[in-house]
PDB file of N, CA and C in Angstrom:
ATOM      1  N   UNK A   1      35.813 123.548  31.897  1.00  0.00           N
ATOM      2  CA  UNK A   1      36.654 123.439  30.736  1.00  0.00           C
ATOM      3  C   UNK A   1      38.122 123.350  31.149  1.00  0.00           C
ATOM      4  N   UNK A   2      38.537 124.173  32.099  1.00  0.00           N
ATOM      5  CA  UNK A   2      39.914 124.143  32.564  1.00  0.00           C
ATOM      6  C   UNK A   2      40.240 122.802  33.221  1.00  0.00           C
ATOM      7  N   UNK A   3      39.296 122.241  33.949  1.00  0.00           N
ATOM      8  CA  UNK A   3      39.526 120.969  34.617  1.00  0.00           C
ATOM      9  C   UNK A   3      39.662 119.829  33.617  1.00  0.00           C
ATOM     10  N   UNK A   4      38.970 119.929  32.513  1.00  0.00           N
ATOM     11  CA  UNK A   4      39.066 118.884  31.493  1.00  0.00           C
ATOM     12  C   UNK A   4      40.457 118.849  30.863  1.00  0.00           C
ATOM     13  N   UNK A   5      41.111 119.989  30.718  1.00  0.00           N
ATOM     14  CA  UNK A   5      42.462 120.029  30.149  1.00  0.00           C
ATOM     15  C   UNK A   5      43.484 119.440  31.122  1.00  0.00           C
ATOM     16  N   UNK A   6      43.288 119.659  32.398  1.00  0.00           N
ATOM     17  CA  UNK A   6      44.228 119.148  33.388  1.00  0.00           C
ATOM     18  C   UNK A   6      44.098 117.641  33.583  1.00  0.00           C
ATOM     19  N   UNK A   7      42.925 117.089  33.327  1.00  0.00           N
ATOM     20  CA  UNK A   7      42.702 115.667  33.519  1.00  0.00           C
ATOM     21  C   UNK A   7      43.054 114.847  32.277  1.00  0.00           C
ATOM     22  N   UNK A   8      43.596 115.464  31.264  1.00  0.00           N
ATOM     23  CA  UNK A   8      43.912 114.742  30.035  1.00  0.00           C
ATOM     24  C   UNK A   8      44.983 113.698  30.309  1.00  0.00           C
ATOM     25  N   UNK A   9      44.783 112.509  29.820  1.00  0.00           N
ATOM     26  CA  UNK A   9      45.716 111.399  30.026  1.00  0.00           C
ATOM     27  C   UNK A   9      46.895 111.556  29.065  1.00  0.00           C
ATOM     28  N   UNK A  10      48.097 111.159  29.486  1.00  0.00           N
ATOM     29  CA  UNK A  10      49.241 111.231  28.584  1.00  0.00           C
ATOM     30  C   UNK A  10      49.075 110.238  27.434  1.00  0.00           C
ATOM     31  N   UNK A  11      49.751 110.520  26.374  1.00  0.00           N
ATOM     32  CA  UNK A  11      49.666 109.644  25.199  1.00  0.00           C
ATOM     33  C   UNK A  11      50.227 108.273  25.558  1.00  0.00           C
ATOM     34  N   UNK A  12      49.595 107.204  25.062  1.00  0.00           N
ATOM     35  CA  UNK A  12      50.097 105.865  25.369  1.00  0.00           C
ATOM     36  C   UNK A  12      51.490 105.663  24.790  1.00  0.00           C
ATOM     37  N   UNK A  13      52.341 104.971  25.548  1.00  0.00           N
ATOM     38  CA  UNK A  13      53.702 104.705  25.091  1.00  0.00           C
ATOM     39  C   UNK A  13      54.727 105.693  25.606  1.00  0.00           C
ATOM     40  N   UNK A  14      54.309 106.783  26.132  1.00  0.00           N
ATOM     41  CA  UNK A  14      55.242 107.789  26.629  1.00  0.00           C
ATOM     42  C   UNK A  14      56.026 107.264  27.827  1.00  0.00           C
ATOM     43  N   UNK A  15      55.410 106.493  28.674  1.00  0.00           N
ATOM     44  CA  UNK A  15      56.073 105.999  29.872  1.00  0.00           C
ATOM     45  C   UNK A  15      57.196 105.020  29.521  1.00  0.00           C
ATOM     46  N   UNK A  16      56.985 104.192  28.538  1.00  0.00           N
ATOM     47  CA  UNK A  16      57.995 103.202  28.159  1.00  0.00           C
ATOM     48  C   UNK A  16      59.225 103.856  27.537  1.00  0.00           C
ATOM     49  N   UNK A  17      59.032 104.875  26.751  1.00  0.00           N
ATOM     50  CA  UNK A  17      60.187 105.525  26.143  1.00  0.00           C
ATOM     51  C   UNK A  17      61.037 106.223  27.198  1.00  0.00           C
ATOM     52  N   UNK A  18      60.399 106.789  28.195  1.00  0.00           N
ATOM     53  CA  UNK A  18      61.154 107.445  29.264  1.00  0.00           C
ATOM     54  C   UNK A  18      61.968 106.415  30.050  1.00  0.00           C
ATOM     55  N   UNK A  19      61.362 105.274  30.322  1.00  0.00           N
ATOM     56  CA  UNK A  19      62.073 104.211  31.060  1.00  0.00           C
ATOM     57  C   UNK A  19      63.240 103.690  30.232  1.00  0.00           C
ATOM     58  N   UNK A  20      63.023 103.499  28.942  1.00  0.00           N
ATOM     59  CA  UNK A  20      64.096 103.006  28.068  1.00  0.00           C
ATOM     60  C   UNK A  20      65.235 104.014  28.018  1.00  0.00           C
ATOM     61  N   UNK A  21      64.934 105.290  27.943  1.00  0.00           N
ATOM     62  CA  UNK A  21      65.969 106.325  27.917  1.00  0.00           C
ATOM     63  C   UNK A  21      66.766 106.346  29.222  1.00  0.00           C
ATOM     64  N   UNK A  22      66.093 106.209  30.347  1.00  0.00           N
ATOM     65  CA  UNK A  22      66.789 106.193  31.634  1.00  0.00           C
ATOM     66  C   UNK A  22      67.712 104.979  31.747  1.00  0.00           C
ATOM     67  N   UNK A  23      67.239 103.822  31.310  1.00  0.00           N
ATOM     68  CA  UNK A  23      68.065 102.610  31.344  1.00  0.00           C
ATOM     69  C   UNK A  23      69.269 102.778  30.419  1.00  0.00           C
ATOM     70  N   UNK A  24      69.060 103.326  29.248  1.00  0.00           N
ATOM     71  CA  UNK A  24      70.158 103.543  28.307  1.00  0.00           C
ATOM     72  C   UNK A  24      71.188 104.517  28.880  1.00  0.00           C
ATOM     73  N   UNK A  25      70.727 105.579  29.515  1.00  0.00           N
ATOM     74  CA  UNK A  25      71.661 106.541  30.102  1.00  0.00           C
ATOM     75  C   UNK A  25      72.464 105.913  31.239  1.00  0.00           C
ATOM     76  N   UNK A  26      71.811 105.101  32.061  1.00  0.00           N
ATOM     77  CA  UNK A  26      72.533 104.430  33.134  1.00  0.00           C
ATOM     78  C   UNK A  26      73.555 103.447  32.575  1.00  0.00           C
ATOM     79  N   UNK A  27      73.205 102.731  31.509  1.00  0.00           N
ATOM     80  CA  UNK A  27      74.143 101.791  30.895  1.00  0.00           C
ATOM     81  C   UNK A  27      75.362 102.525  30.352  1.00  0.00           C
ATOM     82  N   UNK A  28      75.141 103.653  29.705  1.00  0.00           N
ATOM     83  CA  UNK A  28      76.255 104.444  29.183  1.00  0.00           C
ATOM     84  C   UNK A  28      77.127 104.944  30.330  1.00  0.00           C
ATOM     85  N   UNK A  29      76.517 105.431  31.373  1.00  0.00           N
ATOM     86  CA  UNK A  29      77.250 105.907  32.543  1.00  0.00           C
ATOM     87  C   UNK A  29      78.083 104.783  33.151  1.00  0.00           C
ATOM     88  N   UNK A  30      77.487 103.608  33.264  1.00  0.00           N
ATOM     89  CA  UNK A  30      78.192 102.468  33.865  1.00  0.00           C
ATOM     90  C   UNK A  30      79.392 102.065  33.019  1.00  0.00           C
ATOM     91  N   UNK A  31      79.209 101.881  31.714  1.00  0.00           N
ATOM     92  CA  UNK A  31      80.288 101.361  30.880  1.00  0.00           C
ATOM     93  C   UNK A  31      81.381 102.371  30.579  1.00  0.00           C
ATOM     94  N   UNK A  32      81.080 103.659  30.641  1.00  0.00           N
ATOM     95  CA  UNK A  32      82.102 104.651  30.333  1.00  0.00           C
ATOM     96  C   UNK A  32      82.699 105.340  31.546  1.00  0.00           C
ATOM     97  N   UNK A  33      82.073 105.219  32.727  1.00  0.00           N
ATOM     98  CA  UNK A  33      82.605 105.901  33.899  1.00  0.00           C
ATOM     99  C   UNK A  33      82.837 104.968  35.080  1.00  0.00           C
ATOM    100  N   UNK A  34      81.832 104.234  35.490  1.00  0.00           N
ATOM    101  CA  UNK A  34      81.927 103.437  36.709  1.00  0.00           C
ATOM    102  C   UNK A  34      82.843 102.233  36.526  1.00  0.00           C
ATOM    103  N   UNK A  35      82.635 101.472  35.466  1.00  0.00           N
ATOM    104  CA  UNK A  35      83.416 100.243  35.245  1.00  0.00           C
ATOM    105  C   UNK A  35      84.919 100.518  35.086  1.00  0.00           C
ATOM    106  N   UNK A  36      85.344 101.504  34.286  1.00  0.00           N
ATOM    107  CA  UNK A  36      86.783 101.784  34.188  1.00  0.00           C
ATOM    108  C   UNK A  36      87.393 102.231  35.519  1.00  0.00           C
ATOM    109  N   UNK A  37      86.635 102.989  36.307  1.00  0.00           N
ATOM    110  CA  UNK A  37      87.144 103.421  37.607  1.00  0.00           C
ATOM    111  C   UNK A  37      87.330 102.244  38.544  1.00  0.00           C
ATOM    112  N   UNK A  38      86.391 101.300  38.549  1.00  0.00           N
ATOM    113  CA  UNK A  38      86.525 100.105  39.382  1.00  0.00           C
ATOM    114  C   UNK A  38      87.725  99.275  38.948  1.00  0.00           C
ATOM    115  N   UNK A  39      87.953  99.176  37.652  1.00  0.00           N
ATOM    116  CA  UNK A  39      89.100  98.417  37.132  1.00  0.00           C
ATOM    117  C   UNK A  39      90.414  99.064  37.584  1.00  0.00           C
ATOM    118  N   UNK A  40      90.489 100.378  37.505  1.00  0.00           N
ATOM    119  CA  UNK A  40      91.688 101.104  37.934  1.00  0.00           C
ATOM    120  C   UNK A  40      91.930 100.909  39.429  1.00  0.00           C
ATOM    121  N   UNK A  41      90.880 100.947  40.242  1.00  0.00           N
ATOM    122  CA  UNK A  41      91.022 100.751  41.683  1.00  0.00           C
ATOM    123  C   UNK A  41      91.531  99.342  41.998  1.00  0.00           C
ATOM    124  N   UNK A  42      91.066  98.338  41.257  1.00  0.00           N
ATOM    125  CA  UNK A  42      91.540  96.970  41.465  1.00  0.00           C
ATOM    126  C   UNK A  42      93.021  96.845  41.124  1.00  0.00           C
ATOM    127  N   UNK A  43      93.468  97.518  40.054  1.00  0.00           N
ATOM    128  CA  UNK A  43      94.882  97.494  39.680  1.00  0.00           C
ATOM    129  C   UNK A  43      95.743  98.143  40.761  1.00  0.00           C
ATOM    130  N   UNK A  44      95.290  99.270  41.296  1.00  0.00           N
ATOM    131  CA  UNK A  44      96.038  99.960  42.349  1.00  0.00           C
ATOM    132  C   UNK A  44      96.111  99.087  43.602  1.00  0.00           C
ATOM    133  N   UNK A  45      94.996  98.444  43.978  1.00  0.00           N
ATOM    134  CA  UNK A  45      94.985  97.578  45.157  1.00  0.00           C
ATOM    135  C   UNK A  45      95.905  96.375  44.956  1.00  0.00           C
ATOM    136  N   UNK A  46      95.921  95.826  43.755  1.00  0.00           N
ATOM    137  CA  UNK A  46      96.816  94.701  43.451  1.00  0.00           C
ATOM    138  C   UNK A  46      98.273  95.144  43.590  1.00  0.00           C
ATOM    139  N   UNK A  47      98.583  96.360  43.115  1.00  0.00           N
ATOM    140  CA  UNK A  47      99.933  96.895  43.258  1.00  0.00           C
ATOM    141  C   UNK A  47     100.304  97.068  44.729  1.00  0.00           C
ATOM    142  N   UNK A  48      99.403  97.607  45.530  1.00  0.00           N
ATOM    143  CA  UNK A  48      99.686  97.811  46.957  1.00  0.00           C
ATOM    144  C   UNK A  48      99.939  96.483  47.666  1.00  0.00           C
ATOM    145  N   UNK A  49      99.190  95.452  47.299  1.00  0.00           N
ATOM    146  CA  UNK A  49      99.377  94.149  47.930  1.00  0.00           C
ATOM    147  C   UNK A  49     100.674  93.482  47.495  1.00  0.00           C
ATOM    148  N   UNK A  50     101.224  93.873  46.348  1.00  0.00           N
ATOM    149  CA  UNK A  50     102.451  93.254  45.850  1.00  0.00           C
ATOM    150  C   UNK A  50     103.707  94.032  46.227  1.00  0.00           C
ATOM    151  N   UNK A  51     103.584  95.052  47.062  1.00  0.00           N
ATOM    152  CA  UNK A  51     104.764  95.824  47.480  1.00  0.00           C
ATOM    153  C   UNK A  51     105.773  94.941  48.192  1.00  0.00           C
ATOM    154  N   UNK A  52     107.043  95.188  47.921  1.00  0.00           N
ATOM    155  CA  UNK A  52     108.115  94.481  48.608  1.00  0.00           C
ATOM    156  C   UNK A  52     109.123  95.507  49.115  1.00  0.00           C
ATOM    157  N   UNK A  53     109.938  95.090  50.061  1.00  0.00           N
ATOM    158  CA  UNK A  53     111.001  95.960  50.569  1.00  0.00           C
ATOM    159  C   UNK A  53     111.954  96.237  49.411  1.00  0.00           C
ATOM    160  N   UNK A  54     112.264  97.491  49.207  1.00  0.00           N
ATOM    161  CA  UNK A  54     113.148  97.895  48.115  1.00  0.00           C
ATOM    162  C   UNK A  54     112.398  98.443  46.908  1.00  0.00           C
ATOM    163  N   UNK A  55     111.076  98.338  46.898  1.00  0.00           N
ATOM    164  CA  UNK A  55     110.290  98.875  45.781  1.00  0.00           C
ATOM    165  C   UNK A  55     110.385 100.394  45.777  1.00  0.00           C
ATOM    166  N   UNK A  56     110.560 100.961  44.603  1.00  0.00           N
ATOM    167  CA  UNK A  56     110.584 102.422  44.469  1.00  0.00           C
ATOM    168  C   UNK A  56     109.183 102.856  44.067  1.00  0.00           C
ATOM    169  N   UNK A  57     108.580 103.739  44.894  1.00  0.00           N
ATOM    170  CA  UNK A  57     107.173 104.099  44.720  1.00  0.00           C
ATOM    171  C   UNK A  57     106.984 105.610  44.742  1.00  0.00           C
ATOM    172  N   UNK A  58     105.783 106.008  44.339  1.00  0.00           N
ATOM    173  CA  UNK A  58     105.354 107.406  44.396  1.00  0.00           C
ATOM    174  C   UNK A  58     104.105 107.461  45.264  1.00  0.00           C
ATOM    175  N   UNK A  59     104.045 108.429  46.169  1.00  0.00           N
ATOM    176  CA  UNK A  59     102.878 108.578  47.038  1.00  0.00           C
ATOM    177  C   UNK A  59     101.867 109.516  46.394  1.00  0.00           C
ATOM    178  N   UNK A  60     100.697 109.609  47.004  1.00  0.00           N
ATOM    179  CA  UNK A  60      99.641 110.493  46.507  1.00  0.00           C
ATOM    180  C   UNK A  60     100.091 111.947  46.544  1.00  0.00           C
ATOM    181  N   UNK A  61     100.978 112.293  47.441  1.00  0.00           N
ATOM    182  CA  UNK A  61     101.466 113.658  47.552  1.00  0.00           C
ATOM    183  C   UNK A  61     102.611 113.971  46.614  1.00  0.00           C
ATOM    184  N   UNK A  62     103.025 112.982  45.802  1.00  0.00           N
ATOM    185  CA  UNK A  62     104.092 113.199  44.841  1.00  0.00           C
ATOM    186  C   UNK A  62     105.479 112.940  45.401  1.00  0.00           C
ATOM    187  N   UNK A  63     105.580 112.272  46.538  1.00  0.00           N
ATOM    188  CA  UNK A  63     106.867 111.971  47.146  1.00  0.00           C
ATOM    189  C   UNK A  63     107.399 110.662  46.574  1.00  0.00           C
ATOM    190  N   UNK A  64     108.633 110.711  46.061  1.00  0.00           N
ATOM    191  CA  UNK A  64     109.297 109.519  45.559  1.00  0.00           C
ATOM    192  C   UNK A  64     110.103 108.914  46.695  1.00  0.00           C
ATOM    193  N   UNK A  65     110.077 107.586  46.821  1.00  0.00           N
ATOM    194  CA  UNK A  65     110.825 106.944  47.880  1.00  0.00           C
ATOM    195  C   UNK A  65     110.978 105.455  47.651  1.00  0.00           C
ATOM    196  N   UNK A  66     111.703 104.832  48.574  1.00  0.00           N
ATOM    197  CA  UNK A  66     111.949 103.400  48.528  1.00  0.00           C
ATOM    198  C   UNK A  66     111.353 102.765  49.776  1.00  0.00           C
ATOM    199  N   UNK A  67     110.610 101.680  49.593  1.00  0.00           N
ATOM    200  CA  UNK A  67     109.982 100.991  50.722  1.00  0.00           C
ATOM    201  C   UNK A  67     111.078 100.338  51.564  1.00  0.00           C
ATOM    202  N   UNK A  68     111.117 100.657  52.854  1.00  0.00           N
ATOM    203  CA  UNK A  68     112.095 100.074  53.772  1.00  0.00           C
ATOM    204  C   UNK A  68     111.485  99.027  54.678  1.00  0.00           C
ATOM    205  N   UNK A  69     110.219  99.177  55.041  1.00  0.00           N
ATOM    206  CA  UNK A  69     109.558  98.205  55.912  1.00  0.00           C
ATOM    207  C   UNK A  69     108.070  98.214  55.600  1.00  0.00           C
ATOM    208  N   UNK A  70     107.483  97.015  55.492  1.00  0.00           N
ATOM    209  CA  UNK A  70     106.064  96.905  55.157  1.00  0.00           C
ATOM    210  C   UNK A  70     105.162  96.907  56.385  1.00  0.00           C
ATOM    211  N   UNK A  71     105.720  96.693  57.577  1.00  0.00           N
ATOM    212  CA  UNK A  71     104.936  96.688  58.814  1.00  0.00           C
ATOM    213  C   UNK A  71     103.695  95.805  58.660  1.00  0.00           C
ATOM    214  N   UNK A  72     103.924  94.549  58.384  1.00  0.00           N
ATOM    215  CA  UNK A  72     102.808  93.618  58.165  1.00  0.00           C
ATOM    216  C   UNK A  72     101.847  93.630  59.341  1.00  0.00           C
ATOM    217  N   UNK A  73     100.574  93.610  59.049  1.00  0.00           N
ATOM    218  CA  UNK A  73      99.550  93.675  60.074  1.00  0.00           C
ATOM    219  C   UNK A  73      99.139  95.104  60.388  1.00  0.00           C
ATOM    220  N   UNK A  74      99.922  96.057  59.946  1.00  0.00           N
ATOM    221  CA  UNK A  74      99.606  97.476  60.152  1.00  0.00           C
ATOM    222  C   UNK A  74      99.174  98.077  58.818  1.00  0.00           C
ATOM    223  N   UNK A  75      98.614  99.255  58.864  1.00  0.00           N
ATOM    224  CA  UNK A  75      98.139  99.904  57.650  1.00  0.00           C
ATOM    225  C   UNK A  75      99.101 100.977  57.155  1.00  0.00           C
ATOM    226  N   UNK A  76     100.357 100.916  57.561  1.00  0.00           N
ATOM    227  CA  UNK A  76     101.323 101.903  57.110  1.00  0.00           C
ATOM    228  C   UNK A  76     102.606 101.210  56.675  1.00  0.00           C
ATOM    229  N   UNK A  77     103.409 101.933  55.894  1.00  0.00           N
ATOM    230  CA  UNK A  77     104.710 101.424  55.474  1.00  0.00           C
ATOM    231  C   UNK A  77     105.759 102.472  55.814  1.00  0.00           C
ATOM    232  N   UNK A  78     107.003 102.036  55.927  1.00  0.00           N
ATOM    233  CA  UNK A  78     108.117 102.955  56.129  1.00  0.00           C
ATOM    234  C   UNK A  78     108.749 103.216  54.769  1.00  0.00           C
ATOM    235  N   UNK A  79     108.931 104.477  54.453  1.00  0.00           N
ATOM    236  CA  UNK A  79     109.408 104.888  53.138  1.00  0.00           C
ATOM    237  C   UNK A  79     110.638 105.763  53.319  1.00  0.00           C
ATOM    238  N   UNK A  80     111.724 105.393  52.664  1.00  0.00           N
ATOM    239  CA  UNK A  80     112.946 106.201  52.720  1.00  0.00           C
ATOM    240  C   UNK A  80     112.898 107.188  51.567  1.00  0.00           C
ATOM    241  N   UNK A  81     112.866 108.487  51.895  1.00  0.00           N
ATOM    242  CA  UNK A  81     112.753 109.508  50.859  1.00  0.00           C
ATOM    243  C   UNK A  81     114.099 110.166  50.548  1.00  0.00           C
ATOM    244  N   UNK A  82     115.058 110.007  51.431  1.00  0.00           N
ATOM    245  CA  UNK A  82     116.426 110.468  51.213  1.00  0.00           C
ATOM    246  C   UNK A  82     117.316 109.578  52.075  1.00  0.00           C
ATOM    247  N   UNK A  83     118.605 109.614  51.849  1.00  0.00           N
ATOM    248  CA  UNK A  83     119.508 108.757  52.603  1.00  0.00           C
ATOM    249  C   UNK A  83     119.403 109.081  54.087  1.00  0.00           C
ATOM    250  N   UNK A  84     118.934 108.099  54.864  1.00  0.00           N
ATOM    251  CA  UNK A  84     118.799 108.263  56.298  1.00  0.00           C
ATOM    252  C   UNK A  84     117.503 108.933  56.742  1.00  0.00           C
ATOM    253  N   UNK A  85     116.638 109.315  55.802  1.00  0.00           N
ATOM    254  CA  UNK A  85     115.371 109.967  56.143  1.00  0.00           C
ATOM    255  C   UNK A  85     114.235 108.997  55.819  1.00  0.00           C
ATOM    256  N   UNK A  86     113.568 108.518  56.869  1.00  0.00           N
ATOM    257  CA  UNK A  86     112.486 107.555  56.696  1.00  0.00           C
ATOM    258  C   UNK A  86     111.202 108.134  57.278  1.00  0.00           C
ATOM    259  N   UNK A  87     110.122 107.989  56.527  1.00  0.00           N
ATOM    260  CA  UNK A  87     108.822 108.446  56.998  1.00  0.00           C
ATOM    261  C   UNK A  87     107.857 107.267  56.982  1.00  0.00           C
ATOM    262  N   UNK A  88     106.813 107.380  57.765  1.00  0.00           N
ATOM    263  CA  UNK A  88     105.767 106.365  57.757  1.00  0.00           C
ATOM    264  C   UNK A  88     104.544 106.978  57.090  1.00  0.00           C
ATOM    265  N   UNK A  89     104.002 106.252  56.113  1.00  0.00           N
ATOM    266  CA  UNK A  89     102.813 106.727  55.425  1.00  0.00           C
ATOM    267  C   UNK A  89     101.779 105.618  55.374  1.00  0.00           C
ATOM    268  N   UNK A  90     100.540 106.011  55.228  1.00  0.00           N
ATOM    269  CA  UNK A  90      99.447 105.059  55.088  1.00  0.00           C
ATOM    270  C   UNK A  90      99.622 104.299  53.775  1.00  0.00           C
ATOM    271  N   UNK A  91      99.438 103.004  53.834  1.00  0.00           N
ATOM    272  CA  UNK A  91      99.604 102.150  52.655  1.00  0.00           C
ATOM    273  C   UNK A  91      98.662 102.579  51.517  1.00  0.00           C
ATOM    274  N   UNK A  92      97.505 103.134  51.849  1.00  0.00           N
ATOM    275  CA  UNK A  92      96.544 103.535  50.824  1.00  0.00           C
ATOM    276  C   UNK A  92      96.976 104.764  50.032  1.00  0.00           C
ATOM    277  N   UNK A  93      98.040 105.439  50.448  1.00  0.00           N
ATOM    278  CA  UNK A  93      98.513 106.615  49.743  1.00  0.00           C
ATOM    279  C   UNK A  93      99.685 106.321  48.813  1.00  0.00           C
ATOM    280  N   UNK A  94     100.002 105.039  48.620  1.00  0.00           N
ATOM    281  CA  UNK A  94     101.001 104.636  47.641  1.00  0.00           C
ATOM    282  C   UNK A  94     100.249 104.309  46.363  1.00  0.00           C
ATOM    283  N   UNK A  95     100.593 105.019  45.265  1.00  0.00           N
ATOM    284  CA  UNK A  95      99.804 104.864  44.048  1.00  0.00           C
ATOM    285  C   UNK A  95     100.531 104.227  42.882  1.00  0.00           C
ATOM    286  N   UNK A  96     101.822 104.386  42.770  1.00  0.00           N
ATOM    287  CA  UNK A  96     102.468 103.883  41.562  1.00  0.00           C
ATOM    288  C   UNK A  96     103.920 103.515  41.820  1.00  0.00           C
ATOM    289  N   UNK A  97     104.406 102.649  40.973  1.00  0.00           N
ATOM    290  CA  UNK A  97     105.819 102.295  40.941  1.00  0.00           C
ATOM    291  C   UNK A  97     106.512 103.363  40.097  1.00  0.00           C
ATOM    292  N   UNK A  98     107.705 103.788  40.479  1.00  0.00           N
ATOM    293  CA  UNK A  98     108.368 104.849  39.722  1.00  0.00           C
ATOM    294  C   UNK A  98     108.675 104.412  38.289  1.00  0.00           C
ATOM    295  N   UNK A  99     108.955 103.130  38.068  1.00  0.00           N
ATOM    296  CA  UNK A  99     109.208 102.650  36.710  1.00  0.00           C
ATOM    297  C   UNK A  99     107.942 102.767  35.857  1.00  0.00           C
ATOM    298  N   UNK A 100     106.785 102.475  36.418  1.00  0.00           N
ATOM    299  CA  UNK A 100     105.531 102.595  35.668  1.00  0.00           C
ATOM    300  C   UNK A 100     105.209 104.050  35.380  1.00  0.00           C
ATOM    301  N   UNK A 101     105.492 104.923  36.325  1.00  0.00           N
ATOM    302  CA  UNK A 101     105.165 106.341  36.154  1.00  0.00           C
ATOM    303  C   UNK A 101     105.997 106.982  35.058  1.00  0.00           C
ATOM    304  N   UNK A 102     107.255 106.597  34.928  1.00  0.00           N
ATOM    305  CA  UNK A 102     108.105 107.194  33.891  1.00  0.00           C
ATOM    306  C   UNK A 102     107.781 106.632  32.513  1.00  0.00           C
ATOM    307  N   UNK A 103     107.219 105.420  32.436  1.00  0.00           N
ATOM    308  CA  UNK A 103     106.860 104.845  31.140  1.00  0.00           C
ATOM    309  C   UNK A 103     105.621 105.505  30.558  1.00  0.00           C
ATOM    310  N   UNK A 104     104.712 105.983  31.399  1.00  0.00           N
ATOM    311  CA  UNK A 104     103.459 106.556  30.901  1.00  0.00           C
ATOM    312  C   UNK A 104     103.629 107.972  30.385  1.00  0.00           C
ATOM    313  N   UNK A 105     104.723 108.604  30.654  1.00  0.00           N
ATOM    314  CA  UNK A 105     104.917 110.000  30.215  1.00  0.00           C
ATOM    315  C   UNK A 105     105.411 110.089  28.814  1.00  0.00           C
TER     316      UNK A 105
END
């Protein structure tokens, strides 16, 4: 008797509803989380590629500065953070233009 209860087949149609729910959840996840993040990353990469000498930028660490040298072919830029003080930072740590950052606040 106990074995007969364990061998009971699931109700027909149960498998399809579970698959539909999983697909729906993935679609919601994609359109509300993954896609906007990819769009934001493309905008940031486009900004990094359009940097010019003299651009005023903000780094990931919150440092405001002016681009002094792009060091083409290298993965870093020279950033002047105060008069006569220049640092080299990885190009991937430049996130925003100071004009854009002040407009969003």
